[in-house]
Amino acid sequence: MPEEQFEEAVRLMNQHSKFLKYLRGISEERIAEAEALLSVQFPPLFRRCLLTYGELTFSNTEFLGLRAKDSFQNFDNLIKHTL
């Protein structure tokens, strides 16, 4: 996704925040742990989304992400769905 579209999506989510639910963002260390587990490097915009939101739901659409403290294997997140 181009950065302009990402910025527009964030603007629209914030404008309609009653439909936005998210966990708190996660740390750089947690992102690095997930990248190492998957042997990938996440794109900059996805990293930004993880840092800001962790994972989120907007209206009735869920965007899988990562949680700050929980085991990667025990929750419905992008690691579980990738491995």
C-alpha atoms as a PDB file:
ATOM      1  CA  MET A   1       0.000   0.000   0.000  1.00  0.00           C
ATOM      2  CA  PRO A   2       1.423   3.429  -0.869  1.00  0.00           C
ATOM      3  CA  GLU A   3       2.033   5.700   2.112  1.00  0.00           C
ATOM      4  CA  GLU A   4      -0.609   8.187   0.921  1.00  0.00           C
ATOM      5  CA  GLN A   5      -3.275   5.465   1.022  1.00  0.00           C
ATOM      6  CA  PHE A   6      -2.112   4.371   4.463  1.00  0.00           C
ATOM      7  CA  GLU A   7      -2.361   7.954   5.742  1.00  0.00           C
ATOM      8  CA  GLU A   8      -5.852   8.252   4.248  1.00  0.00           C
ATOM      9  CA  ALA A   9      -6.907   4.976   5.883  1.00  0.00           C
ATOM     10  CA  VAL A  10      -5.626   6.183   9.274  1.00  0.00           C
ATOM     11  CA  ARG A  11      -7.419   9.507   8.794  1.00  0.00           C
ATOM     12  CA  LEU A  12     -10.702   7.755   7.962  1.00  0.00           C
ATOM     13  CA  MET A  13     -10.376   5.347  10.898  1.00  0.00           C
ATOM     14  CA  ASN A  14      -9.756   8.250  13.260  1.00  0.00           C
ATOM     15  CA  GLN A  15     -12.658  10.196  11.744  1.00  0.00           C
ATOM     16  CA  HIS A  16     -14.958   7.215  12.375  1.00  0.00           C
ATOM     17  CA  SER A  17     -13.348   6.138  15.639  1.00  0.00           C
ATOM     18  CA  LYS A  18     -16.576   4.691  17.050  1.00  0.00           C
ATOM     19  CA  PHE A  19     -15.978   1.747  14.680  1.00  0.00           C
ATOM     20  CA  LEU A  20     -12.273   1.406  15.592  1.00  0.00           C
ATOM     21  CA  LYS A  21     -11.082  -1.026  18.247  1.00  0.00           C
ATOM     22  CA  TYR A  22      -7.437  -1.819  18.780  1.00  0.00           C
ATOM     23  CA  LEU A  23      -4.985  -3.076  21.307  1.00  0.00           C
ATOM     24  CA  ARG A  24      -2.087  -0.908  22.283  1.00  0.00           C
ATOM     25  CA  GLY A  25       0.877  -0.839  19.940  1.00  0.00           C
ATOM     26  CA  ILE A  26       3.773  -3.208  20.432  1.00  0.00           C
ATOM     27  CA  SER A  27       7.492  -2.593  20.894  1.00  0.00           C
ATOM     28  CA  GLU A  28      10.276  -2.709  18.311  1.00  0.00           C
ATOM     29  CA  GLU A  29      11.655  -5.683  20.249  1.00  0.00           C
ATOM     30  CA  ARG A  30       8.383  -7.593  19.855  1.00  0.00           C
ATOM     31  CA  ILE A  31       8.360  -6.849  16.134  1.00  0.00           C
ATOM     32  CA  ALA A  32      11.965  -8.053  15.810  1.00  0.00           C
ATOM     33  CA  GLU A  33      11.034 -11.255  17.654  1.00  0.00           C
ATOM     34  CA  ALA A  34       8.161 -11.914  15.218  1.00  0.00           C
ATOM     35  CA  GLU A  35      10.363 -11.137  12.200  1.00  0.00           C
ATOM     36  CA  ALA A  36      13.014 -13.555  13.447  1.00  0.00           C
ATOM     37  CA  LEU A  37      10.423 -16.273  14.074  1.00  0.00           C
ATOM     38  CA  LEU A  38       9.100 -15.875  10.517  1.00  0.00           C
ATOM     39  CA  SER A  39      12.511 -15.166   8.918  1.00  0.00           C
ATOM     40  CA  VAL A  40      11.163 -11.992   7.278  1.00  0.00           C
ATOM     41  CA  GLN A  41      11.449  -8.251   7.592  1.00  0.00           C
ATOM     42  CA  PHE A  42       8.108  -6.460   7.776  1.00  0.00           C
ATOM     43  CA  PRO A  43       7.582  -3.485   5.440  1.00  0.00           C
ATOM     44  CA  PRO A  44       7.864  -0.017   7.060  1.00  0.00           C
ATOM     45  CA  LEU A  45       4.127   0.761   6.935  1.00  0.00           C
ATOM     46  CA  PHE A  46       3.200  -2.575   8.498  1.00  0.00           C
ATOM     47  CA  ARG A  47       5.772  -1.959  11.245  1.00  0.00           C
ATOM     48  CA  ARG A  48       4.195   1.443  11.832  1.00  0.00           C
ATOM     49  CA  CYS A  49       0.754  -0.136  12.103  1.00  0.00           C
ATOM     50  CA  LEU A  50       2.061  -2.678  14.620  1.00  0.00           C
ATOM     51  CA  LEU A  51       3.783   0.043  16.636  1.00  0.00           C
ATOM     52  CA  THR A  52       0.596   2.140  16.689  1.00  0.00           C
ATOM     53  CA  TYR A  53      -2.193  -0.415  16.977  1.00  0.00           C
ATOM     54  CA  GLY A  54      -0.807  -3.912  17.635  1.00  0.00           C
ATOM     55  CA  GLU A  55      -3.876  -5.386  15.967  1.00  0.00           C
ATOM     56  CA  LEU A  56      -7.193  -3.777  15.173  1.00  0.00           C
ATOM     57  CA  THR A  57     -10.780  -4.142  14.139  1.00  0.00           C
ATOM     58  CA  PHE A  58     -12.530  -1.500  12.077  1.00  0.00           C
ATOM     59  CA  SER A  59     -16.273  -1.881  11.738  1.00  0.00           C
ATOM     60  CA  ASN A  60     -16.555  -5.662  11.215  1.00  0.00           C
ATOM     61  CA  THR A  61     -13.159  -6.179   9.531  1.00  0.00           C
ATOM     62  CA  GLU A  62     -10.321  -7.608  11.614  1.00  0.00           C
ATOM     63  CA  PHE A  63      -6.695  -6.880  10.780  1.00  0.00           C
ATOM     64  CA  LEU A  64      -4.461  -9.480  12.380  1.00  0.00           C
ATOM     65  CA  GLY A  65      -1.418  -8.136  14.101  1.00  0.00           C
ATOM     66  CA  LEU A  66       0.539  -8.840  17.254  1.00  0.00           C
ATOM     67  CA  ARG A  67      -0.119  -8.464  20.943  1.00  0.00           C
ATOM     68  CA  ALA A  68       2.406  -7.020  23.332  1.00  0.00           C
ATOM     69  CA  LYS A  69       2.844  -9.780  25.910  1.00  0.00           C
ATOM     70  CA  ASP A  70       1.091 -12.942  24.841  1.00  0.00           C
ATOM     71  CA  SER A  71       2.683 -16.020  23.353  1.00  0.00           C
ATOM     72  CA  PHE A  72       2.733 -15.956  19.575  1.00  0.00           C
ATOM     73  CA  GLN A  73       1.433 -19.529  19.483  1.00  0.00           C
ATOM     74  CA  ASN A  74      -1.545 -19.135  21.806  1.00  0.00           C
ATOM     75  CA  PHE A  75      -3.546 -16.368  20.179  1.00  0.00           C
ATOM     76  CA  ASP A  76      -5.273 -15.646  16.913  1.00  0.00           C
ATOM     77  CA  ASN A  77      -2.595 -13.424  15.368  1.00  0.00           C
ATOM     78  CA  LEU A  78      -0.528 -13.148  12.223  1.00  0.00           C
ATOM     79  CA  ILE A  79       2.177 -15.501  13.541  1.00  0.00           C
ATOM     80  CA  LYS A  80      -0.314 -18.307  14.199  1.00  0.00           C
ATOM     81  CA  HIS A  81      -1.833 -17.890  10.747  1.00  0.00           C
ATOM     82  CA  THR A  82       1.560 -17.771   9.052  1.00  0.00           C
ATOM     83  CA  LEU A  83       3.207 -20.793  10.709  1.00  0.00           C
END
